[in-house]
Amino acid sequence: MKYAFIYGSLSGLVIILTMLAGIVFSEQGSFFSSEWFGYLVMLVALTFIFVGVKRYRDIERGGVITFVRAFGLGLSIAVVAGLAYALVWEIYLASTNYVFMDNYIAGIARAKQAAGVPAATIARQMAEWEQVRVNYRNPLYRIPMTFMEMFPVGLLVALVSAALLRNPKLLPATR
């Protein structure tokens, strides 16, 4: 469906550009490199789900849409956005020689040291992270994991969008 491709691609593009800018231009440990910022960006970018479903409702469906159809379209947009995100993340990893996880784990160790965590505790936790590093090298592990970073947020936005937009009186189509 063209709406899923268009609005999913736009959503993915916003997320990708913002995340890459955050990685390139922010310092380790800043708000722009935090998980909170990442999920905030995803939530904002995934508002394209709402926009896409509303546009589809207004243009293709004459201003009326069922919850199921709206939710299906919202999920489709979320899937396209998630796939775009995962694809560009793979390109980013390849272009940086896959050092992300090494840097991420090293950053965790530095933060724990700075927080005064005992060396034995850090060593035990880093041993656990070593398994994550090994798993992350496998694209069959990494790609679905990357997709699942974003998809639950898209699922939630699709659900809320469908619930709201099934009401034709909410932001009615203009003629």
N, C-alpha and C. Protein backbone atom coordinates (compact mmCIF):
# COMPACT_ATOMS: atom_id res chain seq x y z
N MET A 1 0.84 -1.18 0.00
CA MET A 1 0.00 0.00 0.00
C MET A 1 0.89 1.24 0.00
N LYS A 2 0.54 2.19 -0.83
CA LYS A 2 1.40 3.37 -0.99
C LYS A 2 1.46 4.21 0.28
N TYR A 3 0.38 4.26 1.05
CA TYR A 3 0.40 5.06 2.28
C TYR A 3 1.39 4.49 3.29
N ALA A 4 1.43 3.19 3.40
CA ALA A 4 2.38 2.56 4.32
C ALA A 4 3.81 2.87 3.91
N PHE A 5 4.07 2.78 2.61
CA PHE A 5 5.43 3.05 2.13
C PHE A 5 5.82 4.51 2.31
N ILE A 6 4.93 5.41 1.92
CA ILE A 6 5.24 6.85 2.00
C ILE A 6 5.43 7.29 3.44
N TYR A 7 4.44 7.03 4.29
CA TYR A 7 4.50 7.53 5.66
C TYR A 7 5.46 6.72 6.53
N GLY A 8 5.63 5.45 6.24
CA GLY A 8 6.64 4.66 6.94
C GLY A 8 8.04 5.11 6.59
N SER A 9 8.25 5.43 5.32
CA SER A 9 9.56 5.93 4.89
C SER A 9 9.87 7.30 5.50
N LEU A 10 8.87 8.18 5.53
CA LEU A 10 9.08 9.49 6.15
C LEU A 10 9.41 9.35 7.64
N SER A 11 8.67 8.49 8.31
CA SER A 11 8.91 8.25 9.73
C SER A 11 10.31 7.68 9.95
N GLY A 12 10.66 6.68 9.17
CA GLY A 12 11.99 6.08 9.27
C GLY A 12 13.08 7.09 8.99
N LEU A 13 12.87 7.94 8.00
CA LEU A 13 13.87 8.95 7.64
C LEU A 13 14.11 9.93 8.78
N VAL A 14 13.05 10.39 9.42
CA VAL A 14 13.20 11.31 10.55
C VAL A 14 13.98 10.64 11.67
N ILE A 15 13.63 9.42 11.98
CA ILE A 15 14.32 8.70 13.06
C ILE A 15 15.79 8.49 12.71
N ILE A 16 16.02 8.04 11.52
CA ILE A 16 17.39 7.74 11.08
C ILE A 16 18.27 8.99 11.12
N LEU A 17 17.80 10.07 10.52
CA LEU A 17 18.60 11.30 10.47
C LEU A 17 18.87 11.85 11.87
N THR A 18 17.87 11.81 12.72
CA THR A 18 18.05 12.33 14.08
C THR A 18 19.00 11.44 14.88
N MET A 19 18.83 10.13 14.77
CA MET A 19 19.70 9.21 15.51
C MET A 19 21.15 9.31 15.02
N LEU A 20 21.33 9.36 13.72
CA LEU A 20 22.70 9.47 13.21
C LEU A 20 23.34 10.79 13.60
N ALA A 21 22.56 11.87 13.56
CA ALA A 21 23.09 13.16 14.00
C ALA A 21 23.46 13.10 15.48
N GLY A 22 22.63 12.43 16.27
CA GLY A 22 22.92 12.28 17.69
C GLY A 22 24.19 11.48 17.93
N ILE A 23 24.39 10.43 17.15
CA ILE A 23 25.59 9.61 17.29
C ILE A 23 26.82 10.39 16.88
N VAL A 24 26.73 11.10 15.77
CA VAL A 24 27.88 11.81 15.23
C VAL A 24 28.23 13.06 16.04
N PHE A 25 27.23 13.83 16.42
CA PHE A 25 27.48 15.14 16.99
C PHE A 25 27.37 15.25 18.51
N SER A 26 26.95 14.20 19.19
CA SER A 26 26.82 14.32 20.64
C SER A 26 27.94 13.57 21.35
N GLU A 27 28.16 13.97 22.56
CA GLU A 27 29.17 13.32 23.38
C GLU A 27 28.55 12.12 24.08
N GLN A 28 29.37 11.13 24.40
CA GLN A 28 28.92 9.97 25.16
C GLN A 28 28.36 10.45 26.49
N GLY A 29 27.18 9.98 26.84
CA GLY A 29 26.59 10.34 28.12
C GLY A 29 25.71 11.58 28.08
N SER A 30 25.64 12.28 26.95
CA SER A 30 24.78 13.45 26.88
C SER A 30 23.33 13.01 26.65
N PHE A 31 22.40 13.93 26.84
CA PHE A 31 20.99 13.63 26.63
C PHE A 31 20.73 13.12 25.21
N PHE A 32 21.45 13.67 24.24
CA PHE A 32 21.23 13.32 22.85
C PHE A 32 21.71 11.91 22.51
N SER A 33 22.47 11.30 23.39
CA SER A 33 22.88 9.92 23.16
C SER A 33 22.18 8.97 24.13
N SER A 34 21.16 9.47 24.83
CA SER A 34 20.44 8.65 25.81
C SER A 34 19.32 7.86 25.15
N GLU A 35 18.90 6.81 25.82
CA GLU A 35 17.77 6.01 25.33
C GLU A 35 16.49 6.83 25.35
N TRP A 36 16.33 7.70 26.36
CA TRP A 36 15.13 8.54 26.45
C TRP A 36 14.99 9.41 25.21
N PHE A 37 16.09 10.02 24.80
CA PHE A 37 16.05 10.85 23.60
C PHE A 37 15.69 10.01 22.38
N GLY A 38 16.27 8.82 22.29
CA GLY A 38 15.98 7.94 21.15
C GLY A 38 14.51 7.59 21.06
N TYR A 39 13.91 7.24 22.19
CA TYR A 39 12.49 6.88 22.17
C TYR A 39 11.60 8.10 21.97
N LEU A 40 12.02 9.25 22.44
CA LEU A 40 11.28 10.49 22.18
C LEU A 40 11.27 10.79 20.69
N VAL A 41 12.42 10.65 20.05
CA VAL A 41 12.51 10.87 18.60
C VAL A 41 11.62 9.87 17.87
N MET A 42 11.66 8.61 18.28
CA MET A 42 10.80 7.60 17.65
C MET A 42 9.33 7.97 17.78
N LEU A 43 8.93 8.39 18.96
CA LEU A 43 7.54 8.75 19.19
C LEU A 43 7.12 9.92 18.30
N VAL A 44 7.96 10.93 18.23
CA VAL A 44 7.65 12.09 17.39
C VAL A 44 7.60 11.67 15.92
N ALA A 45 8.60 10.91 15.46
CA ALA A 45 8.64 10.51 14.05
C ALA A 45 7.47 9.59 13.70
N LEU A 46 7.06 8.77 14.65
CA LEU A 46 5.96 7.85 14.37
C LEU A 46 4.60 8.52 14.38
N THR A 47 4.57 9.83 14.61
CA THR A 47 3.31 10.54 14.43
C THR A 47 2.91 10.53 12.95
N PHE A 48 3.85 10.16 12.08
CA PHE A 48 3.48 9.98 10.67
C PHE A 48 2.44 8.86 10.52
N ILE A 49 2.34 7.97 11.50
CA ILE A 49 1.29 6.95 11.49
C ILE A 49 -0.06 7.65 11.54
N PHE A 50 -0.20 8.56 12.50
CA PHE A 50 -1.45 9.30 12.63
C PHE A 50 -1.75 10.08 11.36
N VAL A 51 -0.75 10.78 10.85
CA VAL A 51 -0.94 11.60 9.65
C VAL A 51 -1.32 10.72 8.45
N GLY A 52 -0.62 9.61 8.29
CA GLY A 52 -0.91 8.71 7.16
C GLY A 52 -2.30 8.10 7.24
N VAL A 53 -2.70 7.65 8.43
CA VAL A 53 -4.03 7.06 8.59
C VAL A 53 -5.10 8.12 8.37
N LYS A 54 -4.89 9.31 8.89
CA LYS A 54 -5.87 10.38 8.69
C LYS A 54 -6.00 10.74 7.21
N ARG A 55 -4.88 10.84 6.54
CA ARG A 55 -4.91 11.19 5.12
C ARG A 55 -5.62 10.09 4.33
N TYR A 56 -5.33 8.85 4.64
CA TYR A 56 -6.00 7.73 3.97
C TYR A 56 -7.51 7.77 4.25
N ARG A 57 -7.87 7.99 5.52
CA ARG A 57 -9.28 8.08 5.89
C ARG A 57 -9.97 9.18 5.10
N ASP A 58 -9.34 10.34 5.02
CA ASP A 58 -9.98 11.50 4.40
C ASP A 58 -10.01 11.41 2.88
N ILE A 59 -8.96 10.92 2.26
CA ILE A 59 -8.87 10.93 0.80
C ILE A 59 -9.46 9.65 0.18
N GLU A 60 -9.05 8.51 0.70
CA GLU A 60 -9.45 7.24 0.09
C GLU A 60 -10.77 6.70 0.61
N ARG A 61 -11.14 7.06 1.84
CA ARG A 61 -12.32 6.46 2.47
C ARG A 61 -13.43 7.47 2.72
N GLY A 62 -13.33 8.64 2.15
CA GLY A 62 -14.40 9.62 2.28
C GLY A 62 -14.61 10.15 3.69
N GLY A 63 -13.57 10.12 4.52
CA GLY A 63 -13.66 10.66 5.88
C GLY A 63 -14.09 9.66 6.93
N VAL A 64 -14.24 8.39 6.53
CA VAL A 64 -14.69 7.36 7.46
C VAL A 64 -13.76 6.16 7.37
N ILE A 65 -13.37 5.62 8.53
CA ILE A 65 -12.52 4.44 8.55
C ILE A 65 -12.86 3.60 9.78
N THR A 66 -12.77 2.29 9.64
CA THR A 66 -13.00 1.41 10.78
C THR A 66 -11.72 1.31 11.61
N PHE A 67 -11.89 0.88 12.84
CA PHE A 67 -10.73 0.70 13.70
C PHE A 67 -9.77 -0.32 13.11
N VAL A 68 -10.29 -1.42 12.62
CA VAL A 68 -9.43 -2.49 12.10
C VAL A 68 -8.62 -2.02 10.89
N ARG A 69 -9.27 -1.33 9.97
CA ARG A 69 -8.56 -0.84 8.79
C ARG A 69 -7.51 0.21 9.19
N ALA A 70 -7.88 1.11 10.09
CA ALA A 70 -6.94 2.14 10.55
C ALA A 70 -5.76 1.50 11.29
N PHE A 71 -6.05 0.52 12.13
CA PHE A 71 -4.98 -0.15 12.87
C PHE A 71 -4.07 -0.93 11.93
N GLY A 72 -4.65 -1.58 10.93
CA GLY A 72 -3.84 -2.30 9.95
C GLY A 72 -2.91 -1.38 9.18
N LEU A 73 -3.42 -0.24 8.76
CA LEU A 73 -2.59 0.72 8.05
C LEU A 73 -1.51 1.27 8.98
N GLY A 74 -1.88 1.58 10.21
CA GLY A 74 -0.91 2.07 11.18
C GLY A 74 0.20 1.07 11.43
N LEU A 75 -0.16 -0.21 11.56
CA LEU A 75 0.86 -1.26 11.72
C LEU A 75 1.75 -1.35 10.48
N SER A 76 1.16 -1.23 9.31
CA SER A 76 1.95 -1.28 8.08
C SER A 76 2.97 -0.15 8.02
N ILE A 77 2.54 1.03 8.41
CA ILE A 77 3.45 2.18 8.45
C ILE A 77 4.57 1.92 9.46
N ALA A 78 4.21 1.37 10.62
CA ALA A 78 5.20 1.07 11.66
C ALA A 78 6.21 0.03 11.18
N VAL A 79 5.74 -0.97 10.43
CA VAL A 79 6.64 -2.00 9.91
C VAL A 79 7.63 -1.39 8.91
N VAL A 80 7.13 -0.58 7.99
CA VAL A 80 8.01 0.06 7.00
C VAL A 80 9.03 0.95 7.72
N ALA A 81 8.59 1.73 8.70
CA ALA A 81 9.51 2.59 9.44
C ALA A 81 10.55 1.75 10.18
N GLY A 82 10.13 0.66 10.80
CA GLY A 82 11.06 -0.22 11.51
C GLY A 82 12.07 -0.86 10.58
N LEU A 83 11.62 -1.28 9.41
CA LEU A 83 12.54 -1.88 8.43
C LEU A 83 13.53 -0.84 7.92
N ALA A 84 13.06 0.37 7.67
CA ALA A 84 13.96 1.44 7.22
C ALA A 84 15.01 1.72 8.29
N TYR A 85 14.57 1.78 9.52
CA TYR A 85 15.47 2.02 10.65
C TYR A 85 16.53 0.92 10.75
N ALA A 86 16.09 -0.33 10.67
CA ALA A 86 17.02 -1.46 10.77
C ALA A 86 18.00 -1.48 9.60
N LEU A 87 17.50 -1.19 8.40
CA LEU A 87 18.38 -1.18 7.22
C LEU A 87 19.45 -0.10 7.33
N VAL A 88 19.06 1.10 7.70
CA VAL A 88 20.04 2.18 7.80
C VAL A 88 20.99 1.94 8.97
N TRP A 89 20.50 1.34 10.04
CA TRP A 89 21.39 1.01 11.15
C TRP A 89 22.46 0.02 10.68
N GLU A 90 22.07 -0.95 9.86
CA GLU A 90 23.04 -1.91 9.33
C GLU A 90 24.08 -1.21 8.44
N ILE A 91 23.63 -0.26 7.66
CA ILE A 91 24.56 0.51 6.81
C ILE A 91 25.51 1.32 7.70
N TYR A 92 24.97 1.94 8.74
CA TYR A 92 25.81 2.70 9.67
C TYR A 92 26.85 1.78 10.32
N LEU A 93 26.42 0.63 10.80
CA LEU A 93 27.35 -0.30 11.45
C LEU A 93 28.46 -0.72 10.49
N ALA A 94 28.09 -1.04 9.26
CA ALA A 94 29.09 -1.47 8.27
C ALA A 94 30.06 -0.34 7.97
N SER A 95 29.55 0.88 7.91
CA SER A 95 30.43 2.02 7.58
C SER A 95 31.37 2.39 8.73
N THR A 96 31.05 1.94 9.94
CA THR A 96 31.90 2.22 11.09
C THR A 96 32.63 0.96 11.57
N ASN A 97 32.69 -0.03 10.70
CA ASN A 97 33.40 -1.28 10.98
C ASN A 97 32.85 -2.00 12.21
N TYR A 98 31.56 -1.88 12.45
CA TYR A 98 30.85 -2.61 13.51
C TYR A 98 31.42 -2.38 14.91
N VAL A 99 31.90 -1.18 15.19
CA VAL A 99 32.49 -0.89 16.50
C VAL A 99 31.46 -0.40 17.52
N PHE A 100 30.21 -0.25 17.12
CA PHE A 100 29.21 0.31 18.02
C PHE A 100 29.14 -0.45 19.34
N MET A 101 28.97 -1.76 19.28
CA MET A 101 28.79 -2.53 20.51
C MET A 101 30.04 -2.47 21.38
N ASP A 102 31.20 -2.48 20.78
CA ASP A 102 32.44 -2.35 21.56
C ASP A 102 32.46 -1.02 22.31
N ASN A 103 32.13 0.06 21.61
CA ASN A 103 32.10 1.38 22.23
C ASN A 103 31.00 1.49 23.29
N TYR A 104 29.87 0.89 23.02
CA TYR A 104 28.74 0.91 23.94
C TYR A 104 29.11 0.21 25.25
N ILE A 105 29.68 -0.97 25.14
CA ILE A 105 30.06 -1.73 26.34
C ILE A 105 31.19 -1.03 27.09
N ALA A 106 32.14 -0.46 26.38
CA ALA A 106 33.22 0.30 27.03
C ALA A 106 32.64 1.50 27.78
N GLY A 107 31.65 2.15 27.20
CA GLY A 107 30.99 3.29 27.85
C GLY A 107 30.27 2.87 29.13
N ILE A 108 29.66 1.71 29.10
CA ILE A 108 29.00 1.19 30.31
C ILE A 108 30.03 0.95 31.41
N ALA A 109 31.16 0.35 31.04
CA ALA A 109 32.22 0.07 32.02
C ALA A 109 32.75 1.38 32.61
N ARG A 110 32.98 2.38 31.76
CA ARG A 110 33.48 3.68 32.24
C ARG A 110 32.48 4.34 33.20
N ALA A 111 31.21 4.27 32.85
CA ALA A 111 30.17 4.88 33.69
C ALA A 111 30.11 4.18 35.06
N LYS A 112 30.23 2.89 35.07
CA LYS A 112 30.21 2.14 36.33
C LYS A 112 31.44 2.46 37.18
N GLN A 113 32.59 2.58 36.52
CA GLN A 113 33.81 2.95 37.25
C GLN A 113 33.66 4.34 37.85
N ALA A 114 33.13 5.27 37.06
CA ALA A 114 32.95 6.64 37.53
C ALA A 114 31.95 6.70 38.68
N ALA A 115 31.00 5.78 38.69
CA ALA A 115 30.00 5.75 39.76
C ALA A 115 30.51 5.04 41.01
N GLY A 116 31.74 4.51 40.95
CA GLY A 116 32.33 3.87 42.12
C GLY A 116 31.92 2.43 42.33
N VAL A 117 31.41 1.78 41.29
CA VAL A 117 31.03 0.37 41.40
C VAL A 117 32.32 -0.44 41.59
N PRO A 118 32.31 -1.39 42.53
CA PRO A 118 33.52 -2.20 42.77
C PRO A 118 33.98 -2.93 41.51
N ALA A 119 35.29 -3.05 41.37
CA ALA A 119 35.89 -3.67 40.18
C ALA A 119 35.38 -5.08 39.95
N ALA A 120 35.19 -5.85 41.02
CA ALA A 120 34.71 -7.24 40.87
C ALA A 120 33.30 -7.26 40.27
N THR A 121 32.47 -6.33 40.70
CA THR A 121 31.11 -6.25 40.16
C THR A 121 31.15 -5.86 38.69
N ILE A 122 31.99 -4.89 38.36
CA ILE A 122 32.11 -4.46 36.96
C ILE A 122 32.60 -5.63 36.10
N ALA A 123 33.59 -6.37 36.58
CA ALA A 123 34.12 -7.51 35.83
C ALA A 123 33.03 -8.54 35.58
N ARG A 124 32.21 -8.83 36.59
CA ARG A 124 31.13 -9.80 36.44
C ARG A 124 30.10 -9.30 35.41
N GLN A 125 29.74 -8.02 35.48
CA GLN A 125 28.78 -7.47 34.54
C GLN A 125 29.34 -7.41 33.13
N MET A 126 30.61 -7.12 33.00
CA MET A 126 31.23 -7.07 31.67
C MET A 126 31.30 -8.47 31.05
N ALA A 127 31.42 -9.50 31.87
CA ALA A 127 31.39 -10.87 31.36
C ALA A 127 30.00 -11.18 30.78
N GLU A 128 28.96 -10.67 31.43
CA GLU A 128 27.60 -10.84 30.89
C GLU A 128 27.45 -10.08 29.58
N TRP A 129 28.02 -8.87 29.52
CA TRP A 129 27.94 -8.07 28.30
C TRP A 129 28.73 -8.70 27.16
N GLU A 130 29.71 -9.52 27.48
CA GLU A 130 30.49 -10.18 26.44
C GLU A 130 29.59 -11.10 25.60
N GLN A 131 28.62 -11.74 26.23
CA GLN A 131 27.68 -12.58 25.49
C GLN A 131 26.81 -11.72 24.56
N VAL A 132 26.44 -10.54 25.02
CA VAL A 132 25.68 -9.62 24.17
C VAL A 132 26.53 -9.22 22.95
N ARG A 133 27.81 -8.96 23.19
CA ARG A 133 28.72 -8.58 22.10
C ARG A 133 28.80 -9.71 21.06
N VAL A 134 28.92 -10.93 21.52
CA VAL A 134 29.00 -12.09 20.62
C VAL A 134 27.70 -12.22 19.83
N ASN A 135 26.57 -12.12 20.51
CA ASN A 135 25.27 -12.23 19.83
C ASN A 135 25.07 -11.11 18.81
N TYR A 136 25.53 -9.90 19.15
CA TYR A 136 25.31 -8.73 18.30
C TYR A 136 26.08 -8.84 16.98
N ARG A 137 27.10 -9.65 16.94
CA ARG A 137 27.84 -9.86 15.68
C ARG A 137 27.01 -10.61 14.64
N ASN A 138 26.00 -11.34 15.10
CA ASN A 138 25.16 -12.14 14.21
C ASN A 138 24.00 -11.29 13.69
N PRO A 139 23.93 -11.07 12.37
CA PRO A 139 22.83 -10.23 11.84
C PRO A 139 21.45 -10.83 12.09
N LEU A 140 21.34 -12.14 12.24
CA LEU A 140 20.04 -12.75 12.53
C LEU A 140 19.57 -12.43 13.95
N TYR A 141 20.46 -12.03 14.79
CA TYR A 141 20.14 -11.55 16.14
C TYR A 141 19.97 -10.03 16.13
N ARG A 142 20.91 -9.35 15.49
CA ARG A 142 21.00 -7.90 15.53
C ARG A 142 19.84 -7.21 14.80
N ILE A 143 19.50 -7.66 13.61
CA ILE A 143 18.48 -6.97 12.81
C ILE A 143 17.11 -7.04 13.47
N PRO A 144 16.65 -8.23 13.91
CA PRO A 144 15.36 -8.23 14.62
C PRO A 144 15.39 -7.42 15.92
N MET A 145 16.54 -7.44 16.59
CA MET A 145 16.66 -6.65 17.82
C MET A 145 16.53 -5.16 17.50
N THR A 146 17.16 -4.72 16.43
CA THR A 146 17.07 -3.32 16.02
C THR A 146 15.63 -2.97 15.64
N PHE A 147 14.99 -3.83 14.88
CA PHE A 147 13.59 -3.61 14.50
C PHE A 147 12.70 -3.49 15.73
N MET A 148 12.95 -4.35 16.72
CA MET A 148 12.11 -4.36 17.92
C MET A 148 12.39 -3.20 18.86
N GLU A 149 13.44 -2.44 18.62
CA GLU A 149 13.64 -1.21 19.39
C GLU A 149 12.53 -0.22 19.06
N MET A 150 12.10 -0.24 17.83
CA MET A 150 11.17 0.76 17.34
C MET A 150 9.73 0.27 17.22
N PHE A 151 9.54 -0.97 16.85
CA PHE A 151 8.20 -1.45 16.52
C PHE A 151 7.20 -1.31 17.67
N PRO A 152 7.55 -1.62 18.92
CA PRO A 152 6.53 -1.46 19.99
C PRO A 152 6.01 -0.03 20.11
N VAL A 153 6.86 0.95 19.86
CA VAL A 153 6.41 2.35 19.89
C VAL A 153 5.43 2.57 18.74
N GLY A 154 5.75 2.04 17.57
CA GLY A 154 4.85 2.14 16.42
C GLY A 154 3.53 1.43 16.66
N LEU A 155 3.58 0.30 17.32
CA LEU A 155 2.36 -0.45 17.66
C LEU A 155 1.45 0.39 18.55
N LEU A 156 2.04 1.02 19.54
CA LEU A 156 1.26 1.88 20.44
C LEU A 156 0.67 3.07 19.69
N VAL A 157 1.45 3.72 18.85
CA VAL A 157 0.96 4.87 18.09
C VAL A 157 -0.13 4.43 17.11
N ALA A 158 0.03 3.26 16.50
CA ALA A 158 -1.00 2.74 15.58
C ALA A 158 -2.31 2.48 16.33
N LEU A 159 -2.20 1.93 17.51
CA LEU A 159 -3.38 1.64 18.32
C LEU A 159 -4.12 2.91 18.70
N VAL A 160 -3.39 3.90 19.18
CA VAL A 160 -4.01 5.18 19.57
C VAL A 160 -4.58 5.89 18.35
N SER A 161 -3.84 5.88 17.25
CA SER A 161 -4.32 6.54 16.02
C SER A 161 -5.61 5.91 15.53
N ALA A 162 -5.66 4.58 15.52
CA ALA A 162 -6.86 3.89 15.05
C ALA A 162 -8.05 4.18 15.96
N ALA A 163 -7.80 4.19 17.27
CA ALA A 163 -8.89 4.48 18.21
C ALA A 163 -9.43 5.89 18.01
N LEU A 164 -8.55 6.84 17.77
CA LEU A 164 -8.99 8.22 17.60
C LEU A 164 -9.62 8.47 16.23
N LEU A 165 -8.99 7.96 15.18
CA LEU A 165 -9.42 8.32 13.83
C LEU A 165 -10.63 7.53 13.34
N ARG A 166 -11.06 6.53 14.06
CA ARG A 166 -12.29 5.83 13.66
C ARG A 166 -13.50 6.74 13.86
N ASN A 167 -13.32 7.79 14.66
CA ASN A 167 -14.36 8.78 14.86
C ASN A 167 -14.24 9.83 13.74
N PRO A 168 -15.20 9.86 12.80
CA PRO A 168 -15.10 10.81 11.68
C PRO A 168 -15.24 12.27 12.11
N LYS A 169 -15.70 12.51 13.33
CA LYS A 169 -15.85 13.89 13.82
C LYS A 169 -14.52 14.45 14.33
N LEU A 170 -13.54 13.56 14.58
CA LEU A 170 -12.23 14.02 15.03
C LEU A 170 -11.45 14.48 13.82
N LEU A 171 -11.10 15.73 13.78
CA LEU A 171 -10.37 16.30 12.65
C LEU A 171 -11.03 15.88 11.34
N PRO A 172 -12.26 16.29 11.13
CA PRO A 172 -12.99 15.84 9.94
C PRO A 172 -12.32 16.29 8.64
N ALA A 173 -12.56 15.51 7.62
CA ALA A 173 -12.03 15.85 6.29
C ALA A 173 -12.61 17.18 5.83
N THR A 174 -11.76 17.99 5.22
CA THR A 174 -12.24 19.26 4.68
C THR A 174 -12.42 19.10 3.18
N ARG A 175 -13.41 19.74 2.68
CA ARG A 175 -13.70 19.61 1.25
C ARG A 175 -13.20 20.81 0.51
